[in-house]
Amino acid sequence: MFVGAVSDNFDERIEQKIFHAEIVVDNEQVTAETKAYRKMPVIAEFTDNEGNDVMQQVIEHNYNQIKVDVKQIVADELRRIAQDPELQHLIKKE
């Protein structure tokens, strides 16, 4: 089996006999659409007051906070189940 490579330059025609189709792109329309693009808004900023990239620290902080939150939820639920006479049997006693 043979697999060919295709470039993504729309204005360059590719002559390959193994392809049974031609991709037709309206370059003028693509150019017009590209010019109409708007810059995506910044939703979260990962720089500190001095312009340093702090994304890794933010990710690690969020990760650690999620771990703390999950542990607290588990502890709260175990306590709630242990205090409920109808649910106490669900907790394994060692």
PDB file of N, CA and C in Angstrom:
ATOM      1  N   MET A   1       0.847  -1.171   0.000  1.00  0.00           N
ATOM      2  CA  MET A   1       0.000   0.000   0.000  1.00  0.00           C
ATOM      3  C   MET A   1       0.893   1.235   0.000  1.00  0.00           C
ATOM      4  N   PHE A   2       0.502   2.230  -0.740  1.00  0.00           N
ATOM      5  CA  PHE A   2       1.273   3.462  -0.839  1.00  0.00           C
ATOM      6  C   PHE A   2       0.465   4.604  -0.245  1.00  0.00           C
ATOM      7  N   VAL A   3       1.120   5.408   0.543  1.00  0.00           N
ATOM      8  CA  VAL A   3       0.478   6.580   1.125  1.00  0.00           C
ATOM      9  C   VAL A   3       1.264   7.797   0.691  1.00  0.00           C
ATOM     10  N   GLY A   4       0.580   8.800   0.162  1.00  0.00           N
ATOM     11  CA  GLY A   4       1.247  10.012  -0.301  1.00  0.00           C
ATOM     12  C   GLY A   4       1.132  11.122   0.720  1.00  0.00           C
ATOM     13  N   ALA A   5       1.928  12.145   0.537  1.00  0.00           N
ATOM     14  CA  ALA A   5       1.897  13.324   1.398  1.00  0.00           C
ATOM     15  C   ALA A   5       1.295  14.483   0.626  1.00  0.00           C
ATOM     16  N   VAL A   6       0.554  15.314   1.309  1.00  0.00           N
ATOM     17  CA  VAL A   6      -0.101  16.453   0.681  1.00  0.00           C
ATOM     18  C   VAL A   6       0.334  17.709   1.419  1.00  0.00           C
ATOM     19  N   SER A   7       0.698  18.743   0.659  1.00  0.00           N
ATOM     20  CA  SER A   7       1.071  20.001   1.313  1.00  0.00           C
ATOM     21  C   SER A   7      -0.188  20.785   1.615  1.00  0.00           C
ATOM     22  N   ASP A   8      -0.096  21.749   2.570  1.00  0.00           N
ATOM     23  CA  ASP A   8      -1.276  22.530   2.795  1.00  0.00           C
ATOM     24  C   ASP A   8      -1.210  23.910   2.209  1.00  0.00           C
ATOM     25  N   ASN A   9      -0.472  24.096   1.160  1.00  0.00           N
ATOM     26  CA  ASN A   9      -0.486  25.366   0.436  1.00  0.00           C
ATOM     27  C   ASN A   9      -1.596  25.286  -0.597  1.00  0.00           C
ATOM     28  N   PHE A  10      -2.661  26.033  -0.370  1.00  0.00           N
ATOM     29  CA  PHE A  10      -3.844  25.921  -1.212  1.00  0.00           C
ATOM     30  C   PHE A  10      -3.578  26.253  -2.671  1.00  0.00           C
ATOM     31  N   ASP A  11      -2.649  27.144  -2.904  1.00  0.00           N
ATOM     32  CA  ASP A  11      -2.433  27.584  -4.287  1.00  0.00           C
ATOM     33  C   ASP A  11      -1.424  26.708  -5.030  1.00  0.00           C
ATOM     34  N   GLU A  12      -0.944  25.632  -4.433  1.00  0.00           N
ATOM     35  CA  GLU A  12      -0.020  24.726  -5.106  1.00  0.00           C
ATOM     36  C   GLU A  12      -0.751  23.452  -5.506  1.00  0.00           C
ATOM     37  N   ARG A  13      -0.851  23.222  -6.793  1.00  0.00           N
ATOM     38  CA  ARG A  13      -1.516  22.026  -7.291  1.00  0.00           C
ATOM     39  C   ARG A  13      -0.590  20.828  -7.100  1.00  0.00           C
ATOM     40  N   ILE A  14      -1.154  19.720  -6.694  1.00  0.00           N
ATOM     41  CA  ILE A  14      -0.378  18.512  -6.451  1.00  0.00           C
ATOM     42  C   ILE A  14      -0.715  17.496  -7.531  1.00  0.00           C
ATOM     43  N   GLU A  15       0.270  17.081  -8.283  1.00  0.00           N
ATOM     44  CA  GLU A  15       0.081  16.083  -9.333  1.00  0.00           C
ATOM     45  C   GLU A  15       0.448  14.715  -8.771  1.00  0.00           C
ATOM     46  N   GLN A  16      -0.516  13.929  -8.461  1.00  0.00           N
ATOM     47  CA  GLN A  16      -0.296  12.570  -7.966  1.00  0.00           C
ATOM     48  C   GLN A  16      -1.341  11.673  -8.609  1.00  0.00           C
ATOM     49  N   LYS A  17      -0.929  10.633  -9.290  1.00  0.00           N
ATOM     50  CA  LYS A  17      -1.912   9.773  -9.919  1.00  0.00           C
ATOM     51  C   LYS A  17      -2.617   8.861  -8.923  1.00  0.00           C
ATOM     52  N   ILE A  18      -2.109   8.780  -7.692  1.00  0.00           N
ATOM     53  CA  ILE A  18      -2.774   7.925  -6.722  1.00  0.00           C
ATOM     54  C   ILE A  18      -3.985   8.604  -6.088  1.00  0.00           C
ATOM     55  N   PHE A  19      -4.107   9.899  -6.241  1.00  0.00           N
ATOM     56  CA  PHE A  19      -5.253  10.606  -5.702  1.00  0.00           C
ATOM     57  C   PHE A  19      -6.319  10.684  -6.780  1.00  0.00           C
ATOM     58  N   HIS A  20      -7.549  10.394  -6.390  1.00  0.00           N
ATOM     59  CA  HIS A  20      -8.648  10.402  -7.344  1.00  0.00           C
ATOM     60  C   HIS A  20      -9.566  11.600  -7.130  1.00  0.00           C
ATOM     61  N   ALA A  21      -9.069  12.611  -6.491  1.00  0.00           N
ATOM     62  CA  ALA A  21      -9.871  13.799  -6.237  1.00  0.00           C
ATOM     63  C   ALA A  21      -8.959  15.011  -6.199  1.00  0.00           C
ATOM     64  N   GLU A  22      -9.557  16.154  -6.375  1.00  0.00           N
ATOM     65  CA  GLU A  22      -8.814  17.407  -6.291  1.00  0.00           C
ATOM     66  C   GLU A  22      -9.513  18.284  -5.267  1.00  0.00           C
ATOM     67  N   ILE A  23      -8.748  18.817  -4.354  1.00  0.00           N
ATOM     68  CA  ILE A  23      -9.309  19.717  -3.351  1.00  0.00           C
ATOM     69  C   ILE A  23      -9.278  21.119  -3.932  1.00  0.00           C
ATOM     70  N   VAL A  24     -10.454  21.715  -4.049  1.00  0.00           N
ATOM     71  CA  VAL A  24     -10.555  23.049  -4.628  1.00  0.00           C
ATOM     72  C   VAL A  24     -10.859  24.026  -3.499  1.00  0.00           C
ATOM     73  N   VAL A  25     -10.005  25.024  -3.360  1.00  0.00           N
ATOM     74  CA  VAL A  25     -10.165  26.019  -2.306  1.00  0.00           C
ATOM     75  C   VAL A  25     -10.299  27.385  -2.953  1.00  0.00           C
ATOM     76  N   ASP A  26     -11.303  28.128  -2.515  1.00  0.00           N
ATOM     77  CA  ASP A  26     -11.495  29.491  -3.001  1.00  0.00           C
ATOM     78  C   ASP A  26     -10.562  30.392  -2.199  1.00  0.00           C
ATOM     79  N   ASN A  27      -9.381  30.682  -2.774  1.00  0.00           N
ATOM     80  CA  ASN A  27      -8.367  31.456  -2.059  1.00  0.00           C
ATOM     81  C   ASN A  27      -8.843  32.848  -1.677  1.00  0.00           C
ATOM     82  N   GLU A  28      -9.631  33.473  -2.535  1.00  0.00           N
ATOM     83  CA  GLU A  28     -10.131  34.815  -2.225  1.00  0.00           C
ATOM     84  C   GLU A  28     -11.047  34.774  -1.002  1.00  0.00           C
ATOM     85  N   GLN A  29     -11.914  33.768  -0.955  1.00  0.00           N
ATOM     86  CA  GLN A  29     -12.815  33.653   0.187  1.00  0.00           C
ATOM     87  C   GLN A  29     -12.035  33.344   1.463  1.00  0.00           C
ATOM     88  N   VAL A  30     -11.048  32.465   1.361  1.00  0.00           N
ATOM     89  CA  VAL A  30     -10.230  32.136   2.533  1.00  0.00           C
ATOM     90  C   VAL A  30      -9.494  33.376   3.023  1.00  0.00           C
ATOM     91  N   THR A  31      -8.945  34.156   2.101  1.00  0.00           N
ATOM     92  CA  THR A  31      -8.233  35.383   2.463  1.00  0.00           C
ATOM     93  C   THR A  31      -9.176  36.370   3.139  1.00  0.00           C
ATOM     94  N   ALA A  32     -10.384  36.521   2.579  1.00  0.00           N
ATOM     95  CA  ALA A  32     -11.362  37.439   3.168  1.00  0.00           C
ATOM     96  C   ALA A  32     -11.753  36.984   4.573  1.00  0.00           C
ATOM     97  N   GLU A  33     -11.972  35.680   4.733  1.00  0.00           N
ATOM     98  CA  GLU A  33     -12.325  35.164   6.055  1.00  0.00           C
ATOM     99  C   GLU A  33     -11.181  35.356   7.042  1.00  0.00           C
ATOM    100  N   THR A  34      -9.960  35.139   6.571  1.00  0.00           N
ATOM    101  CA  THR A  34      -8.792  35.291   7.437  1.00  0.00           C
ATOM    102  C   THR A  34      -8.647  36.734   7.902  1.00  0.00           C
ATOM    103  N   LYS A  35      -8.895  37.678   7.014  1.00  0.00           N
ATOM    104  CA  LYS A  35      -8.796  39.095   7.384  1.00  0.00           C
ATOM    105  C   LYS A  35      -9.866  39.485   8.401  1.00  0.00           C
ATOM    106  N   ALA A  36     -10.993  38.764   8.393  1.00  0.00           N
ATOM    107  CA  ALA A  36     -12.094  39.085   9.303  1.00  0.00           C
ATOM    108  C   ALA A  36     -11.917  38.445  10.676  1.00  0.00           C
ATOM    109  N   TYR A  37     -10.874  37.636  10.839  1.00  0.00           N
ATOM    110  CA  TYR A  37     -10.632  36.993  12.134  1.00  0.00           C
ATOM    111  C   TYR A  37     -10.443  38.049  13.212  1.00  0.00           C
ATOM    112  N   ARG A  38     -11.005  37.769  14.386  1.00  0.00           N
ATOM    113  CA  ARG A  38     -10.796  38.636  15.531  1.00  0.00           C
ATOM    114  C   ARG A  38      -9.899  37.904  16.518  1.00  0.00           C
ATOM    115  N   LYS A  39      -9.077  38.648  17.198  1.00  0.00           N
ATOM    116  CA  LYS A  39      -8.182  38.058  18.186  1.00  0.00           C
ATOM    117  C   LYS A  39      -9.009  37.476  19.329  1.00  0.00           C
ATOM    118  N   MET A  40      -8.627  36.280  19.749  1.00  0.00           N
ATOM    119  CA  MET A  40      -9.344  35.649  20.858  1.00  0.00           C
ATOM    120  C   MET A  40      -9.061  36.412  22.148  1.00  0.00           C
ATOM    121  N   PRO A  41     -10.095  36.598  22.969  1.00  0.00           N
ATOM    122  CA  PRO A  41      -9.883  37.318  24.225  1.00  0.00           C
ATOM    123  C   PRO A  41      -9.075  36.474  25.206  1.00  0.00           C
ATOM    124  N   VAL A  42      -8.325  37.150  26.046  1.00  0.00           N
ATOM    125  CA  VAL A  42      -7.555  36.470  27.085  1.00  0.00           C
ATOM    126  C   VAL A  42      -8.519  36.137  28.217  1.00  0.00           C
ATOM    127  N   ILE A  43      -8.676  34.851  28.487  1.00  0.00           N
ATOM    128  CA  ILE A  43      -9.590  34.416  29.536  1.00  0.00           C
ATOM    129  C   ILE A  43      -8.849  34.281  30.860  1.00  0.00           C
ATOM    130  N   ALA A  44      -7.653  33.752  30.799  1.00  0.00           N
ATOM    131  CA  ALA A  44      -6.832  33.593  32.001  1.00  0.00           C
ATOM    132  C   ALA A  44      -5.426  34.075  31.680  1.00  0.00           C
ATOM    133  N   GLU A  45      -4.905  34.903  32.535  1.00  0.00           N
ATOM    134  CA  GLU A  45      -3.558  35.454  32.345  1.00  0.00           C
ATOM    135  C   GLU A  45      -2.582  34.647  33.189  1.00  0.00           C
ATOM    136  N   PHE A  46      -1.518  34.209  32.584  1.00  0.00           N
ATOM    137  CA  PHE A  46      -0.527  33.395  33.291  1.00  0.00           C
ATOM    138  C   PHE A  46       0.807  34.115  33.418  1.00  0.00           C
ATOM    139  N   THR A  47       0.737  35.416  33.670  1.00  0.00           N
ATOM    140  CA  THR A  47       1.950  36.185  33.928  1.00  0.00           C
ATOM    141  C   THR A  47       1.755  36.938  35.239  1.00  0.00           C
ATOM    142  N   ASP A  48       2.856  37.120  35.956  1.00  0.00           N
ATOM    143  CA  ASP A  48       2.768  37.864  37.207  1.00  0.00           C
ATOM    144  C   ASP A  48       2.936  39.352  36.925  1.00  0.00           C
ATOM    145  N   ASN A  49       3.023  40.151  37.984  1.00  0.00           N
ATOM    146  CA  ASN A  49       3.132  41.608  37.834  1.00  0.00           C
ATOM    147  C   ASN A  49       4.385  42.038  37.092  1.00  0.00           C
ATOM    148  N   GLU A  50       5.399  41.175  37.090  1.00  0.00           N
ATOM    149  CA  GLU A  50       6.658  41.509  36.418  1.00  0.00           C
ATOM    150  C   GLU A  50       6.749  40.905  35.021  1.00  0.00           C
ATOM    151  N   GLY A  51       5.667  40.283  34.562  1.00  0.00           N
ATOM    152  CA  GLY A  51       5.644  39.716  33.221  1.00  0.00           C
ATOM    153  C   GLY A  51       6.218  38.316  33.107  1.00  0.00           C
ATOM    154  N   ASN A  52       6.512  37.677  34.238  1.00  0.00           N
ATOM    155  CA  ASN A  52       7.060  36.317  34.217  1.00  0.00           C
ATOM    156  C   ASN A  52       5.957  35.295  33.978  1.00  0.00           C
ATOM    157  N   ASP A  53       6.272  34.256  33.228  1.00  0.00           N
ATOM    158  CA  ASP A  53       5.323  33.180  32.958  1.00  0.00           C
ATOM    159  C   ASP A  53       5.173  32.325  34.215  1.00  0.00           C
ATOM    160  N   VAL A  54       3.955  32.271  34.751  1.00  0.00           N
ATOM    161  CA  VAL A  54       3.701  31.511  35.971  1.00  0.00           C
ATOM    162  C   VAL A  54       2.666  30.403  35.743  1.00  0.00           C
ATOM    163  N   MET A  55       2.506  29.994  34.503  1.00  0.00           N
ATOM    164  CA  MET A  55       1.493  28.990  34.190  1.00  0.00           C
ATOM    165  C   MET A  55       1.733  27.687  34.947  1.00  0.00           C
ATOM    166  N   GLN A  56       2.970  27.217  34.998  1.00  0.00           N
ATOM    167  CA  GLN A  56       3.262  25.960  35.691  1.00  0.00           C
ATOM    168  C   GLN A  56       2.895  26.050  37.167  1.00  0.00           C
ATOM    169  N   GLN A  57       3.211  27.172  37.800  1.00  0.00           N
ATOM    170  CA  GLN A  57       2.880  27.344  39.213  1.00  0.00           C
ATOM    171  C   GLN A  57       1.357  27.368  39.422  1.00  0.00           C
ATOM    172  N   VAL A  58       0.640  28.031  38.514  1.00  0.00           N
ATOM    173  CA  VAL A  58      -0.818  28.097  38.622  1.00  0.00           C
ATOM    174  C   VAL A  58      -1.416  26.701  38.464  1.00  0.00           C
ATOM    175  N   ILE A  59      -0.914  25.948  37.499  1.00  0.00           N
ATOM    176  CA  ILE A  59      -1.409  24.585  37.281  1.00  0.00           C
ATOM    177  C   ILE A  59      -1.148  23.723  38.511  1.00  0.00           C
ATOM    178  N   GLU A  60       0.067  23.802  39.054  1.00  0.00           N
ATOM    179  CA  GLU A  60       0.400  23.010  40.244  1.00  0.00           C
ATOM    180  C   GLU A  60      -0.465  23.413  41.436  1.00  0.00           C
ATOM    181  N   HIS A  61      -0.690  24.709  41.603  1.00  0.00           N
ATOM    182  CA  HIS A  61      -1.543  25.182  42.702  1.00  0.00           C
ATOM    183  C   HIS A  61      -2.962  24.643  42.537  1.00  0.00           C
ATOM    184  N   ASN A  62      -3.507  24.735  41.326  1.00  0.00           N
ATOM    185  CA  ASN A  62      -4.859  24.232  41.077  1.00  0.00           C
ATOM    186  C   ASN A  62      -4.938  22.724  41.317  1.00  0.00           C
ATOM    187  N   TYR A  63      -3.932  21.996  40.855  1.00  0.00           N
ATOM    188  CA  TYR A  63      -3.872  20.545  41.050  1.00  0.00           C
ATOM    189  C   TYR A  63      -3.880  20.207  42.540  1.00  0.00           C
ATOM    190  N   ASN A  64      -3.022  20.878  43.297  1.00  0.00           N
ATOM    191  CA  ASN A  64      -2.946  20.625  44.738  1.00  0.00           C
ATOM    192  C   ASN A  64      -4.238  21.016  45.450  1.00  0.00           C
ATOM    193  N   GLN A  65      -4.861  22.113  45.017  1.00  0.00           N
ATOM    194  CA  GLN A  65      -6.120  22.542  45.631  1.00  0.00           C
ATOM    195  C   GLN A  65      -7.220  21.524  45.362  1.00  0.00           C
ATOM    196  N   ILE A  66      -7.254  20.973  44.159  1.00  0.00           N
ATOM    197  CA  ILE A  66      -8.251  19.949  43.834  1.00  0.00           C
ATOM    198  C   ILE A  66      -8.048  18.716  44.713  1.00  0.00           C
ATOM    199  N   LYS A  67      -6.786  18.317  44.914  1.00  0.00           N
ATOM    200  CA  LYS A  67      -6.506  17.167  45.786  1.00  0.00           C
ATOM    201  C   LYS A  67      -7.008  17.428  47.206  1.00  0.00           C
ATOM    202  N   VAL A  68      -6.755  18.616  47.723  1.00  0.00           N
ATOM    203  CA  VAL A  68      -7.209  18.975  49.073  1.00  0.00           C
ATOM    204  C   VAL A  68      -8.737  18.951  49.132  1.00  0.00           C
ATOM    205  N   ASP A  69      -9.379  19.542  48.122  1.00  0.00           N
ATOM    206  CA  ASP A  69     -10.843  19.589  48.090  1.00  0.00           C
ATOM    207  C   ASP A  69     -11.449  18.187  48.046  1.00  0.00           C
ATOM    208  N   VAL A  70     -10.884  17.308  47.222  1.00  0.00           N
ATOM    209  CA  VAL A  70     -11.405  15.941  47.106  1.00  0.00           C
ATOM    210  C   VAL A  70     -11.245  15.202  48.428  1.00  0.00           C
ATOM    211  N   LYS A  71     -10.090  15.346  49.074  1.00  0.00           N
ATOM    212  CA  LYS A  71      -9.886  14.695  50.377  1.00  0.00           C
ATOM    213  C   LYS A  71     -10.910  15.191  51.394  1.00  0.00           C
ATOM    214  N   GLN A  72     -11.214  16.485  51.365  1.00  0.00           N
ATOM    215  CA  GLN A  72     -12.193  17.050  52.296  1.00  0.00           C
ATOM    216  C   GLN A  72     -13.590  16.509  52.003  1.00  0.00           C
ATOM    217  N   ILE A  73     -13.944  16.413  50.732  1.00  0.00           N
ATOM    218  CA  ILE A  73     -15.259  15.873  50.353  1.00  0.00           C
ATOM    219  C   ILE A  73     -15.387  14.423  50.822  1.00  0.00           C
ATOM    220  N   VAL A  74     -14.341  13.625  50.601  1.00  0.00           N
ATOM    221  CA  VAL A  74     -14.364  12.220  51.030  1.00  0.00           C
ATOM    222  C   VAL A  74     -14.512  12.132  52.544  1.00  0.00           C
ATOM    223  N   ALA A  75     -13.756  12.920  53.280  1.00  0.00           N
ATOM    224  CA  ALA A  75     -13.838  12.900  54.747  1.00  0.00           C
ATOM    225  C   ALA A  75     -15.231  13.306  55.219  1.00  0.00           C
ATOM    226  N   ASP A  76     -15.786  14.364  54.616  1.00  0.00           N
ATOM    227  CA  ASP A  76     -17.129  14.825  54.992  1.00  0.00           C
ATOM    228  C   ASP A  76     -18.176  13.746  54.730  1.00  0.00           C
ATOM    229  N   GLU A  77     -18.082  13.105  53.578  1.00  0.00           N
ATOM    230  CA  GLU A  77     -19.056  12.073  53.219  1.00  0.00           C
ATOM    231  C   GLU A  77     -18.917  10.839  54.106  1.00  0.00           C
ATOM    232  N   LEU A  78     -17.685  10.434  54.408  1.00  0.00           N
ATOM    233  CA  LEU A  78     -17.491   9.294  55.306  1.00  0.00           C
ATOM    234  C   LEU A  78     -18.074   9.590  56.684  1.00  0.00           C
ATOM    235  N   ARG A  79     -17.882  10.804  57.158  1.00  0.00           N
ATOM    236  CA  ARG A  79     -18.433  11.210  58.453  1.00  0.00           C
ATOM    237  C   ARG A  79     -19.968  11.194  58.401  1.00  0.00           C
ATOM    238  N   ARG A  80     -20.529  11.711  57.325  1.00  0.00           N
ATOM    239  CA  ARG A  80     -21.991  11.741  57.172  1.00  0.00           C
ATOM    240  C   ARG A  80     -22.560  10.322  57.131  1.00  0.00           C
ATOM    241  N   ILE A  81     -21.911   9.439  56.368  1.00  0.00           N
ATOM    242  CA  ILE A  81     -22.375   8.054  56.258  1.00  0.00           C
ATOM    243  C   ILE A  81     -22.265   7.347  57.608  1.00  0.00           C
ATOM    244  N   ALA A  82     -21.169   7.588  58.321  1.00  0.00           N
ATOM    245  CA  ALA A  82     -20.958   6.947  59.626  1.00  0.00           C
ATOM    246  C   ALA A  82     -22.010   7.377  60.646  1.00  0.00           C
ATOM    247  N   GLN A  83     -22.543   8.579  60.508  1.00  0.00           N
ATOM    248  CA  GLN A  83     -23.531   9.095  61.457  1.00  0.00           C
ATOM    249  C   GLN A  83     -24.969   8.752  61.065  1.00  0.00           C
ATOM    250  N   ASP A  84     -25.162   8.225  59.871  1.00  0.00           N
ATOM    251  CA  ASP A  84     -26.504   7.882  59.395  1.00  0.00           C
ATOM    252  C   ASP A  84     -26.768   6.402  59.677  1.00  0.00           C
ATOM    253  N   PRO A  85     -27.744   6.083  60.542  1.00  0.00           N
ATOM    254  CA  PRO A  85     -28.012   4.685  60.885  1.00  0.00           C
ATOM    255  C   PRO A  85     -28.342   3.810  59.669  1.00  0.00           C
ATOM    256  N   GLU A  86     -28.944   4.385  58.659  1.00  0.00           N
ATOM    257  CA  GLU A  86     -29.305   3.609  57.471  1.00  0.00           C
ATOM    258  C   GLU A  86     -28.124   3.383  56.531  1.00  0.00           C
ATOM    259  N   LEU A  87     -27.060   4.142  56.698  1.00  0.00           N
ATOM    260  CA  LEU A  87     -25.909   4.022  55.797  1.00  0.00           C
ATOM    261  C   LEU A  87     -24.666   3.466  56.476  1.00  0.00           C
ATOM    262  N   GLN A  88     -24.679   3.363  57.795  1.00  0.00           N
ATOM    263  CA  GLN A  88     -23.489   2.932  58.540  1.00  0.00           C
ATOM    264  C   GLN A  88     -22.938   1.599  58.061  1.00  0.00           C
ATOM    265  N   HIS A  89     -23.817   0.712  57.599  1.00  0.00           N
ATOM    266  CA  HIS A  89     -23.367  -0.608  57.151  1.00  0.00           C
ATOM    267  C   HIS A  89     -22.472  -0.538  55.908  1.00  0.00           C
ATOM    268  N   LEU A  90     -22.465   0.593  55.228  1.00  0.00           N
ATOM    269  CA  LEU A  90     -21.653   0.752  54.016  1.00  0.00           C
ATOM    270  C   LEU A  90     -20.173   0.961  54.320  1.00  0.00           C
ATOM    271  N   ILE A  91     -19.876   1.341  55.551  1.00  0.00           N
ATOM    272  CA  ILE A  91     -18.483   1.589  55.926  1.00  0.00           C
ATOM    273  C   ILE A  91     -17.895   0.318  56.514  1.00  0.00           C
ATOM    274  N   LYS A  92     -16.793  -0.111  55.956  1.00  0.00           N
ATOM    275  CA  LYS A  92     -16.118  -1.329  56.410  1.00  0.00           C
ATOM    276  C   LYS A  92     -15.389  -1.034  57.717  1.00  0.00           C
ATOM    277  N   LYS A  93     -15.709  -1.823  58.733  1.00  0.00           N
ATOM    278  CA  LYS A  93     -15.057  -1.634  60.034  1.00  0.00           C
ATOM    279  C   LYS A  93     -13.902  -2.606  60.141  1.00  0.00           C
ATOM    280  N   GLU A  94     -12.759  -2.108  60.564  1.00  0.00           N
ATOM    281  CA  GLU A  94     -11.561  -2.949  60.667  1.00  0.00           C
ATOM    282  C   GLU A  94     -11.191  -3.200  62.096  1.00  0.00           C
TER     283      GLU A  94
END
